[in-house]
Amino acid sequence: MCTPSGVWGTILKDEGLIKKLLRGSVVFRSLKFRIFIIVLLVGIIPSSVLRALLIRSYESRAVNQRITDITNQCNILCGRLFEAGFLDDTKDELINDELSLLSNLYDGRVLIIDDDFRIIKDTYDMSVGRTMVSKEVIACLNGSSNMNRYDPEYGYVEVTVPVTDGKGAIHGAMVASGSTDYIKTNRVNLNHRAWIVEITVGIFVLVIAYALSSTLLLPFDRVRTAISSAKEGYISELKRVEVPDYTETGEIMDAFYLLLDQIREADEAREEFVANVSHELKTPLASMKVLSDSIRNEENVPVEMYREFMNDIAEEVDRENQIITDLLEIVKLEKQTDRLVTEPTDLDDILNEIIKMLEPLAGKKGIGLTYEKLKSVTAEVDRQKLSRALMNIVENAIKYNKDFGWVKITLDHDIQFAIITISDGGIGIPQDVVGRIFDRFYRADKSHSNEIGGNGLGLAISRSTILLHKGSVKVTSIEGEGSTFTVKIPLVYEK
């Protein structure tokens, strides 16, 4: 049969069961409910403990007082017993009356035992002549004084006091017992009154717990209302709600509005992206429309003009196709659906290939393209993707440069990263737009964008590729003086 303590022990050991109960109920997961329970327990448990301690303290003091009273009476009588020679002759009526009075006073029994452990007097007249050998009597006759014990089950205390002569010699022992029924009765009455007080306190604590749990969570209700308003789609019209009641609610609202600002920025970026995509895709289509209309509306179009227009249309188709290809690549990179095929690669080889491919472009503008390898670096990278990402940055450094300017590439490494620095003495980037140059379709120098060419996706692809490699890219720039791109790639790619 399983005892209650065994059941509770099993439940407490089964942490999974407790977690299931807490997670399975909406009520148990409620912070309001938990605050209510905590306050309730903090109020009720101390009162219950106090009630138990009070009852136990009363019982202990009452029993000790009972023992002290009986012991004092016995000590007085023991001195008179020896003087009256009661151990030799138990017919002394005065002593017998006093012993009977003591027995009746404490609703108990008195036994007089000589040094041979023989009972010579029993106020109940039941055990005279018998031998009484108990550890208390033995200890008392051997010199231990005032031996006593309390039996709560049968409701009495027992005191054993030595009978001595004037010189301290022990000649016998007195065993006196007294009833403790009145202590039990008083304890029951006291316990009843304590329960009434505890129930009253419990009801009061219950009200306080409910009021506190409701009041303490009011700031969180305001937080929930603000978040619900945003959930309904009123982000643009949502006014900032301050909830400074608690440090936590203030931090939650700060984090919420920071997230809200990011959502707004994301919405604005999405709208701008859609507008840019529409513009970039519409421009080639418009050019093709104009060219095709020109051919269609002209009669007897010369073959040379027809061929020229068709070449122009083909270029616009290629441009549109490139935009779509770049967009799809960015989407795959950002969603990480385009997995990297990494292998140990000498980055010096990649940079030398980029220099070789872009030297003709730099030569057209008279730009000096230099490369410095400070240390040999081998890293686990996707050679093709990283090569294109770095080429986009170097190509931009050439395109957005001054005539007869310079571009310098350096290769180095530290303990964790390969470090590639691409510096130029070009037109630079205004400080207010440095953080946006990696946005899709964004061009810092829009006035020269048509002359320079491109679709504004190169740096966005570069950044997504570098992030996919678990790396980073940072840019510093001074308008009119040039820019520096610092690319860090982990030496070992962690999948």
Protein backbone atom coordinates (compact mmCIF):
# COMPACT_ATOMS: atom_id res chain seq x y z
CA MET A 1 0.00 0.00 0.00
CA CYS A 2 1.39 3.38 -1.02
CA THR A 3 1.54 5.91 1.80
CA PRO A 4 0.75 9.61 1.25
CA SER A 5 4.40 10.49 1.77
CA GLY A 6 5.34 7.86 -0.81
CA VAL A 7 2.89 9.34 -3.31
CA TRP A 8 4.23 12.85 -2.80
CA GLY A 9 7.77 11.54 -3.05
CA THR A 10 6.98 9.87 -6.37
CA ILE A 11 5.34 13.04 -7.72
CA LEU A 12 8.23 15.27 -6.62
CA LYS A 13 10.77 12.89 -8.19
CA ASP A 14 8.84 12.81 -11.46
CA GLU A 15 9.92 16.24 -12.70
CA GLY A 16 8.47 15.43 -16.10
CA LEU A 17 5.00 15.06 -14.58
CA ILE A 18 5.25 18.44 -12.82
CA LYS A 19 6.44 20.12 -16.03
CA LYS A 20 3.58 18.54 -17.98
CA LEU A 21 1.07 19.84 -15.44
CA LEU A 22 2.56 23.34 -15.57
CA ARG A 23 2.79 23.43 -19.37
CA GLY A 24 -0.47 21.70 -20.06
CA SER A 25 -2.70 24.25 -18.39
CA VAL A 26 -3.16 27.87 -19.38
CA VAL A 27 -3.93 28.67 -15.74
CA PHE A 28 -0.63 27.22 -14.48
CA ARG A 29 1.30 29.16 -17.14
CA SER A 30 -0.37 32.43 -16.13
CA LEU A 31 1.98 34.85 -14.35
CA LYS A 32 -1.03 36.27 -12.51
CA PHE A 33 -1.89 32.82 -11.16
CA ARG A 34 1.71 32.20 -10.09
CA ILE A 35 1.95 35.54 -8.28
CA PHE A 36 -1.38 34.75 -6.61
CA ILE A 37 -0.11 31.35 -5.42
CA ILE A 38 3.24 32.75 -4.23
CA VAL A 39 1.62 35.52 -2.19
CA LEU A 40 -0.94 33.05 -0.84
CA LEU A 41 1.76 30.59 0.24
CA VAL A 42 3.92 33.35 1.74
CA GLY A 43 0.94 34.37 3.86
CA ILE A 44 -0.41 30.93 4.81
CA ILE A 45 2.75 28.87 5.35
CA PRO A 46 4.20 31.15 8.08
CA SER A 47 0.86 31.20 9.92
CA SER A 48 0.66 27.39 9.76
CA VAL A 49 4.24 27.05 11.00
CA LEU A 50 3.57 29.60 13.74
CA ARG A 51 0.45 27.71 14.84
CA ALA A 52 2.39 24.42 15.07
CA LEU A 53 5.26 26.08 16.97
CA LEU A 54 2.81 27.77 19.33
CA ILE A 55 1.07 24.47 20.19
CA ARG A 56 4.36 22.67 20.62
CA SER A 57 5.78 25.48 22.75
CA TYR A 58 2.72 25.51 24.99
CA GLU A 59 2.83 21.73 25.46
CA SER A 60 6.57 21.79 26.27
CA ARG A 61 6.22 24.61 28.79
CA ALA A 62 3.15 23.04 30.43
CA VAL A 63 4.83 19.64 30.78
CA ASN A 64 8.02 21.19 32.18
CA GLN A 65 5.96 23.19 34.66
CA ARG A 66 4.06 20.03 35.69
CA ILE A 67 7.32 18.16 36.21
CA THR A 68 8.81 21.05 38.19
CA ASP A 69 5.77 21.26 40.50
CA ILE A 70 5.71 17.51 41.19
CA THR A 71 9.49 17.43 41.69
CA ASN A 72 9.37 20.25 44.24
CA GLN A 73 6.61 18.53 46.22
CA CYS A 74 8.50 15.24 46.09
CA ASN A 75 11.74 16.83 47.31
CA ILE A 76 9.90 18.30 50.30
CA LEU A 77 8.31 14.97 51.17
CA CYS A 78 11.51 12.96 50.67
CA GLY A 79 13.27 14.97 53.37
CA ARG A 80 10.45 14.28 55.81
CA LEU A 81 10.26 10.58 54.90
CA PHE A 82 13.75 9.82 56.18
CA GLU A 83 13.35 11.96 59.27
CA ALA A 84 10.10 10.15 60.16
CA GLY A 85 11.71 6.75 59.53
CA PHE A 86 9.05 5.97 56.95
CA LEU A 87 11.38 3.60 55.07
CA ASP A 88 11.39 1.33 58.14
CA ASP A 89 7.79 1.85 59.23
CA THR A 90 5.10 2.95 56.78
CA LYS A 91 2.37 3.37 59.38
CA ASP A 92 2.94 7.09 59.94
CA GLU A 93 -0.54 8.48 59.29
CA LEU A 94 0.64 12.06 58.70
CA ILE A 95 3.10 10.98 56.01
CA ASN A 96 0.50 8.68 54.45
CA ASP A 97 -1.99 11.53 54.35
CA GLU A 98 0.52 13.79 52.68
CA LEU A 99 1.38 11.11 50.11
CA SER A 100 -2.32 10.60 49.37
CA LEU A 101 -2.80 14.36 49.11
CA LEU A 102 0.11 14.56 46.63
CA SER A 103 -1.37 11.71 44.60
CA ASN A 104 -4.82 13.32 44.52
CA LEU A 105 -3.45 16.81 43.85
CA TYR A 106 -1.82 15.73 40.61
CA ASP A 107 -4.34 13.02 39.79
CA GLY A 108 -1.60 10.43 39.82
CA ARG A 109 0.18 7.82 41.90
CA VAL A 110 3.05 7.78 44.39
CA LEU A 111 5.40 4.85 45.03
CA ILE A 112 8.06 4.63 47.77
CA ILE A 113 10.92 2.23 46.97
CA ASP A 114 13.69 1.18 49.37
CA ASP A 115 17.31 0.54 48.44
CA ASP A 116 16.48 -3.12 47.64
CA PHE A 117 14.10 -2.00 44.83
CA ARG A 118 11.14 -3.18 46.86
CA ILE A 119 7.91 -1.11 46.85
CA ILE A 120 7.05 -0.28 50.45
CA LYS A 121 4.28 2.23 49.76
CA ASP A 122 1.74 2.55 46.93
CA THR A 123 -1.02 5.13 47.10
CA TYR A 124 -3.08 2.75 44.96
CA ASP A 125 -2.32 -0.15 47.41
CA MET A 126 -1.72 -2.44 44.42
CA SER A 127 2.04 -3.09 44.24
CA VAL A 128 3.29 -3.09 47.87
CA GLY A 129 5.93 -5.77 48.35
CA ARG A 130 6.75 -6.07 44.67
CA THR A 131 10.10 -5.25 43.14
CA MET A 132 10.40 -2.31 40.77
CA VAL A 133 13.45 -2.26 38.56
CA SER A 134 13.40 0.56 36.00
CA LYS A 135 16.22 2.58 34.52
CA GLU A 136 14.96 5.69 36.29
CA VAL A 137 14.94 3.99 39.71
CA ILE A 138 18.34 2.40 39.09
CA ALA A 139 19.80 5.74 38.02
CA CYS A 140 18.24 7.48 40.98
CA LEU A 141 19.61 4.97 43.54
CA ASN A 142 23.02 5.26 41.86
CA GLY A 143 23.12 8.99 42.52
CA SER A 144 21.30 10.64 39.61
CA SER A 145 18.79 13.16 40.86
CA ASN A 146 15.37 14.21 39.55
CA MET A 147 14.86 11.60 36.83
CA ASN A 148 11.65 12.25 34.86
CA ARG A 149 9.85 11.26 31.69
CA TYR A 150 6.75 12.28 29.74
CA ASP A 151 4.39 9.87 28.00
CA PRO A 152 2.12 11.87 25.63
CA GLU A 153 0.35 8.72 24.44
CA TYR A 154 -1.09 7.86 27.86
CA GLY A 155 -1.06 11.43 29.15
CA TYR A 156 1.12 11.47 32.26
CA VAL A 157 4.51 12.56 33.60
CA GLU A 158 6.63 10.53 35.98
CA VAL A 159 9.22 11.91 38.43
CA THR A 160 11.78 9.85 40.35
CA VAL A 161 13.40 11.57 43.34
CA PRO A 162 15.97 10.03 45.75
CA VAL A 163 15.25 9.71 49.47
CA THR A 164 18.38 10.85 51.29
CA ASP A 165 19.53 11.42 54.85
CA GLY A 166 21.01 14.64 56.05
CA LYS A 167 24.48 13.59 54.86
CA GLY A 168 23.42 12.97 51.23
CA ALA A 169 23.35 9.17 51.38
CA ILE A 170 20.59 7.61 49.27
CA HIS A 171 18.30 5.12 51.05
CA GLY A 172 15.42 4.87 48.61
CA ALA A 173 13.44 6.57 45.90
CA MET A 174 10.06 8.19 45.44
CA VAL A 175 8.28 7.69 42.09
CA ALA A 176 5.41 10.13 41.57
CA SER A 177 3.24 10.33 38.46
CA GLY A 178 0.79 13.04 37.49
CA SER A 179 -1.90 13.29 34.84
CA THR A 180 -1.45 15.66 31.86
CA ASP A 181 -5.01 15.37 30.56
CA TYR A 182 -5.62 19.03 31.22
CA ILE A 183 -2.60 19.87 29.01
CA LYS A 184 -4.10 17.82 26.18
CA THR A 185 -7.46 19.55 26.64
CA ASN A 186 -5.87 22.99 26.67
CA ARG A 187 -3.81 22.07 23.62
CA VAL A 188 -6.95 21.07 21.70
CA ASN A 189 -8.69 24.31 22.67
CA LEU A 190 -5.63 26.37 21.78
CA ASN A 191 -5.30 24.55 18.46
CA HIS A 192 -8.97 25.24 17.70
CA ARG A 193 -8.55 28.95 18.36
CA ALA A 194 -5.32 29.00 16.34
CA TRP A 195 -7.18 27.40 13.40
CA ILE A 196 -9.82 30.12 13.59
CA VAL A 197 -7.10 32.78 13.51
CA GLU A 198 -5.30 30.98 10.68
CA ILE A 199 -8.45 30.69 8.58
CA THR A 200 -9.14 34.39 9.16
CA VAL A 201 -5.59 35.24 8.14
CA GLY A 202 -5.93 32.90 5.15
CA ILE A 203 -9.04 34.69 3.92
CA PHE A 204 -7.32 38.05 4.38
CA VAL A 205 -4.21 36.80 2.55
CA LEU A 206 -6.44 35.38 -0.20
CA VAL A 207 -7.93 38.81 -0.81
CA ILE A 208 -4.50 40.47 -0.66
CA ALA A 209 -3.05 37.87 -3.05
CA TYR A 210 -5.81 38.42 -5.58
CA ALA A 211 -5.51 42.20 -5.33
CA LEU A 212 -1.72 42.13 -5.64
CA SER A 213 -1.71 39.67 -8.55
CA SER A 214 -4.18 41.88 -10.41
CA THR A 215 -2.48 45.17 -9.55
CA LEU A 216 1.07 44.05 -10.21
CA LEU A 217 0.19 42.90 -13.73
CA LEU A 218 -1.60 46.09 -14.81
CA PRO A 219 1.57 47.44 -16.50
CA PHE A 220 1.85 44.18 -18.45
CA ASP A 221 -1.75 44.65 -19.61
CA ARG A 222 -0.71 47.99 -21.08
CA VAL A 223 2.24 46.30 -22.75
CA ARG A 224 -0.11 43.66 -24.18
CA THR A 225 -2.51 46.35 -25.42
CA ALA A 226 0.30 48.18 -27.21
CA ILE A 227 1.55 44.97 -28.82
CA SER A 228 -2.01 43.97 -29.81
CA SER A 229 -2.44 47.33 -31.54
CA ALA A 230 0.66 46.63 -33.59
CA LYS A 231 -0.59 43.12 -34.32
CA GLU A 232 -3.77 44.57 -35.77
CA GLY A 233 -1.69 46.34 -38.40
CA TYR A 234 -1.61 49.91 -37.08
CA ILE A 235 2.18 50.09 -37.12
CA SER A 236 2.49 53.37 -38.99
CA GLU A 237 -0.12 55.09 -36.77
CA LEU A 238 0.99 53.54 -33.49
CA LYS A 239 2.03 56.06 -30.85
CA ARG A 240 4.74 55.21 -28.36
CA VAL A 241 3.36 53.98 -25.03
CA GLU A 242 5.64 54.33 -22.02
CA VAL A 243 5.30 51.76 -19.22
CA PRO A 244 7.90 52.87 -16.65
CA ASP A 245 6.22 51.11 -13.69
CA TYR A 246 8.88 48.39 -13.63
CA THR A 247 12.37 48.17 -15.07
CA GLU A 248 11.29 45.03 -16.91
CA THR A 249 8.24 46.62 -18.56
CA GLY A 250 10.36 49.58 -19.60
CA GLU A 251 12.93 47.26 -21.16
CA ILE A 252 10.19 45.23 -22.88
CA MET A 253 8.66 48.35 -24.40
CA ASP A 254 12.08 49.63 -25.49
CA ALA A 255 12.78 46.30 -27.18
CA PHE A 256 9.29 46.28 -28.70
CA TYR A 257 9.60 49.74 -30.19
CA LEU A 258 13.09 48.96 -31.42
CA LEU A 259 11.63 45.92 -33.18
CA LEU A 260 8.78 48.09 -34.45
CA ASP A 261 11.27 50.58 -35.88
CA GLN A 262 13.05 47.73 -37.61
CA ILE A 263 9.74 46.51 -39.02
CA ARG A 264 8.98 50.03 -40.28
CA GLU A 265 12.44 50.22 -41.83
CA ALA A 266 11.92 46.79 -43.38
CA ASP A 267 8.56 47.93 -44.80
CA GLU A 268 10.14 51.07 -46.18
CA ALA A 269 13.02 49.05 -47.60
CA ARG A 270 10.56 46.60 -49.14
CA GLU A 271 8.57 49.41 -50.72
CA GLU A 272 11.75 51.02 -51.99
CA PHE A 273 12.98 47.66 -53.24
CA VAL A 274 9.75 47.04 -55.14
CA ALA A 275 9.99 50.54 -56.63
CA ASN A 276 13.63 50.01 -57.59
CA VAL A 277 12.94 46.60 -59.10
CA SER A 278 10.03 48.05 -61.05
CA HIS A 279 12.21 50.90 -62.28
CA GLU A 280 15.17 48.68 -63.17
CA LEU A 281 12.98 46.18 -65.01
CA LYS A 282 10.85 48.86 -66.64
CA THR A 283 13.81 50.80 -68.07
CA PRO A 284 15.03 48.04 -70.43
CA LEU A 285 11.43 47.29 -71.41
CA ALA A 286 10.84 50.95 -72.22
CA SER A 287 14.00 51.04 -74.34
CA MET A 288 12.95 47.91 -76.20
CA LYS A 289 9.48 49.38 -76.72
CA VAL A 290 10.93 52.58 -78.22
CA LEU A 291 13.32 50.66 -80.49
CA SER A 292 10.69 48.21 -81.67
CA ASP A 293 8.16 51.00 -82.30
CA SER A 294 10.76 52.91 -84.30
CA ILE A 295 11.36 49.91 -86.57
CA ARG A 296 7.68 49.11 -86.85
CA ASN A 297 6.65 52.68 -87.77
CA GLU A 298 9.40 53.19 -90.32
CA GLU A 299 9.01 52.01 -93.88
CA ASN A 300 11.88 50.58 -95.87
CA VAL A 301 14.16 50.43 -92.86
CA PRO A 302 17.79 49.97 -93.94
CA VAL A 303 19.34 46.69 -92.95
CA GLU A 304 22.11 48.46 -91.05
CA MET A 305 19.60 50.37 -88.89
CA TYR A 306 17.52 47.23 -88.38
CA ARG A 307 20.64 45.37 -87.25
CA GLU A 308 21.68 48.24 -84.95
CA PHE A 309 18.25 48.39 -83.31
CA MET A 310 18.16 44.63 -82.84
CA ASN A 311 21.60 44.73 -81.22
CA ASP A 312 20.33 47.43 -78.86
CA ILE A 313 17.26 45.34 -78.04
CA ALA A 314 19.47 42.30 -77.40
CA GLU A 315 21.61 44.38 -75.00
CA GLU A 316 18.52 45.49 -73.09
CA VAL A 317 17.33 41.86 -72.89
CA ASP A 318 20.75 40.85 -71.54
CA ARG A 319 20.57 43.70 -69.01
CA GLU A 320 17.13 42.62 -67.83
CA ASN A 321 18.23 39.00 -67.67
CA GLN A 322 21.23 40.01 -65.57
CA ILE A 323 19.02 41.92 -63.14
CA ILE A 324 16.72 38.93 -62.71
CA THR A 325 19.68 36.56 -62.31
CA ASP A 326 21.25 38.80 -59.66
CA LEU A 327 17.94 39.12 -57.79
CA LEU A 328 17.48 35.36 -57.71
CA GLU A 329 21.04 34.93 -56.46
CA ILE A 330 20.50 37.42 -53.65
CA VAL A 331 17.31 35.65 -52.60
CA LYS A 332 19.09 32.29 -52.52
CA LEU A 333 22.03 33.73 -50.58
CA GLU A 334 19.86 35.47 -47.99
CA LYS A 335 17.69 32.40 -47.49
CA GLN A 336 20.84 30.25 -47.48
CA THR A 337 19.25 27.85 -49.91
CA ASP A 338 22.33 28.22 -52.12
CA ARG A 339 24.80 26.07 -50.22
CA LEU A 340 28.50 26.75 -50.27
CA VAL A 341 30.90 24.22 -51.74
CA THR A 342 33.92 24.93 -49.60
CA GLU A 343 37.46 23.66 -50.00
CA PRO A 344 40.89 24.80 -48.81
CA THR A 345 41.74 27.66 -51.16
CA ASP A 346 44.76 29.92 -51.49
CA LEU A 347 43.24 33.41 -51.41
CA ASP A 348 46.31 34.75 -53.19
CA ASP A 349 45.21 32.86 -56.32
CA ILE A 350 41.71 34.37 -56.16
CA LEU A 351 43.03 37.93 -55.82
CA ASN A 352 45.55 37.48 -58.62
CA GLU A 353 42.74 36.28 -60.93
CA ILE A 354 40.64 39.34 -59.99
CA ILE A 355 43.58 41.66 -60.73
CA LYS A 356 44.14 39.99 -64.09
CA MET A 357 40.44 40.29 -65.06
CA LEU A 358 40.01 43.93 -63.97
CA GLU A 359 43.30 45.40 -65.19
CA PRO A 360 41.81 46.31 -68.61
CA LEU A 361 38.93 48.20 -66.90
CA ALA A 362 41.40 50.05 -64.66
CA GLY A 363 43.65 50.80 -67.63
CA LYS A 364 40.84 52.58 -69.48
CA LYS A 365 40.64 55.18 -66.67
CA GLY A 366 44.36 55.24 -66.04
CA ILE A 367 43.85 53.80 -62.55
CA GLY A 368 46.77 52.08 -60.87
CA LEU A 369 45.64 48.66 -59.57
CA THR A 370 48.11 47.20 -57.05
CA TYR A 371 48.14 44.11 -54.85
CA GLU A 372 50.22 43.38 -51.73
CA LYS A 373 50.35 40.00 -50.02
CA LEU A 374 51.46 40.49 -46.41
CA LYS A 375 50.99 36.83 -45.50
CA SER A 376 50.01 33.68 -47.36
CA VAL A 377 46.46 32.70 -46.48
CA THR A 378 44.59 29.46 -47.10
CA ALA A 379 40.94 29.30 -46.02
CA GLU A 380 37.93 27.04 -46.55
CA VAL A 381 35.77 28.99 -48.98
CA ASP A 382 33.53 28.59 -52.00
CA ARG A 383 36.04 29.77 -54.59
CA GLN A 384 33.54 30.81 -57.26
CA LYS A 385 31.16 32.73 -54.98
CA LEU A 386 33.86 34.48 -52.94
CA SER A 387 35.71 35.43 -56.12
CA ARG A 388 32.61 37.14 -57.50
CA ALA A 389 31.93 38.90 -54.19
CA LEU A 390 35.46 40.35 -54.02
CA MET A 391 35.42 41.22 -57.72
CA ASN A 392 32.24 43.28 -57.24
CA ILE A 393 33.94 45.34 -54.52
CA VAL A 394 37.15 45.86 -56.54
CA GLU A 395 35.13 46.70 -59.67
CA ASN A 396 33.15 49.32 -57.74
CA ALA A 397 36.41 50.79 -56.43
CA ILE A 398 37.55 51.22 -60.05
CA LYS A 399 34.25 52.53 -61.38
CA TYR A 400 33.68 55.06 -58.60
CA ASN A 401 37.18 56.47 -58.82
CA LYS A 402 38.92 59.51 -60.22
CA ASP A 403 40.80 59.48 -63.48
CA PHE A 404 44.37 58.35 -62.92
CA GLY A 405 43.45 57.35 -59.39
CA TRP A 406 44.54 54.23 -57.48
CA VAL A 407 43.13 51.02 -56.01
CA LYS A 408 45.12 48.88 -53.58
CA ILE A 409 44.34 45.34 -52.40
CA THR A 410 46.13 43.75 -49.42
CA LEU A 411 45.93 40.21 -48.03
CA ASP A 412 46.67 39.40 -44.38
CA HIS A 413 45.35 37.21 -41.55
CA ASP A 414 45.13 36.93 -37.78
CA ILE A 415 44.43 33.92 -35.59
CA GLN A 416 40.82 33.46 -36.76
CA PHE A 417 40.27 35.40 -39.97
CA ALA A 418 41.68 36.07 -43.38
CA ILE A 419 41.68 39.86 -43.85
CA ILE A 420 41.29 41.39 -47.31
CA THR A 421 41.48 45.19 -47.55
CA ILE A 422 40.39 47.06 -50.70
CA SER A 423 41.27 50.76 -50.61
CA ASP A 424 40.86 53.45 -53.24
CA GLY A 425 41.47 57.17 -53.69
CA GLY A 426 38.17 57.72 -55.42
CA ILE A 427 35.15 59.95 -54.96
CA GLY A 428 34.27 58.49 -51.57
CA ILE A 429 30.85 57.97 -50.00
CA PRO A 430 28.85 60.59 -48.05
CA GLN A 431 28.74 59.70 -44.34
CA ASP A 432 24.93 59.77 -44.22
CA VAL A 433 24.62 56.97 -46.77
CA VAL A 434 27.60 54.74 -45.92
CA GLY A 435 25.30 52.31 -44.11
CA ARG A 436 23.06 51.91 -47.18
CA ILE A 437 25.55 51.03 -49.89
CA PHE A 438 24.89 47.30 -49.40
CA ASP A 439 21.14 47.78 -50.00
CA ARG A 440 19.77 46.33 -53.21
CA PHE A 441 19.63 48.81 -56.12
CA TYR A 442 21.16 51.57 -54.00
CA ARG A 443 23.71 53.83 -55.69
CA ALA A 444 25.58 56.41 -53.64
CA ASP A 445 26.47 58.52 -56.73
CA LYS A 446 23.22 58.59 -58.63
CA SER A 447 24.37 61.45 -60.87
CA HIS A 448 26.96 59.20 -62.54
CA SER A 449 25.03 55.94 -62.34
CA ASN A 450 24.08 55.91 -66.02
CA GLU A 451 27.67 56.60 -67.08
CA ILE A 452 29.13 53.99 -64.74
CA GLY A 453 26.53 51.33 -65.45
CA GLY A 454 25.53 48.37 -63.30
CA ASN A 455 22.26 47.61 -61.60
CA GLY A 456 23.07 48.39 -57.95
CA LEU A 457 23.07 44.72 -56.89
CA GLY A 458 26.80 44.01 -56.84
CA LEU A 459 27.56 45.07 -53.27
CA ALA A 460 24.34 43.45 -52.00
CA ILE A 461 25.47 40.14 -53.54
CA SER A 462 28.97 40.60 -52.09
CA ARG A 463 27.66 41.21 -48.58
CA SER A 464 25.25 38.22 -48.70
CA THR A 465 28.04 35.94 -49.96
CA ILE A 466 30.48 37.06 -47.25
CA LEU A 467 27.84 36.62 -44.54
CA LEU A 468 27.12 33.15 -45.90
CA HIS A 469 30.80 32.39 -45.32
CA LYS A 470 30.28 33.48 -41.64
CA GLY A 471 32.43 36.52 -42.38
CA SER A 472 31.96 40.28 -42.25
CA VAL A 473 32.47 43.32 -44.47
CA LYS A 474 32.91 46.88 -43.20
CA VAL A 475 33.48 50.14 -45.02
CA THR A 476 35.01 53.46 -44.01
CA SER A 477 34.94 56.42 -46.36
CA ILE A 478 35.69 60.12 -46.62
CA GLU A 479 33.83 61.95 -49.34
CA GLY A 480 36.22 63.20 -52.00
CA GLU A 481 39.18 61.20 -50.63
CA GLY A 482 38.27 57.54 -51.05
CA SER A 483 36.94 54.41 -49.36
CA THR A 484 38.29 51.30 -47.64
CA PHE A 485 36.45 47.97 -47.58
CA THR A 486 37.65 45.42 -45.00
CA VAL A 487 36.53 41.83 -45.58
CA LYS A 488 37.07 39.15 -42.93
CA ILE A 489 36.61 35.46 -43.77
CA PRO A 490 37.01 32.68 -41.14
CA LEU A 491 40.01 30.51 -41.85
CA VAL A 492 37.91 27.43 -41.08
CA TYR A 493 34.27 27.42 -42.27
CA GLU A 494 31.93 26.01 -39.60
CA LYS A 495 28.83 24.44 -41.14
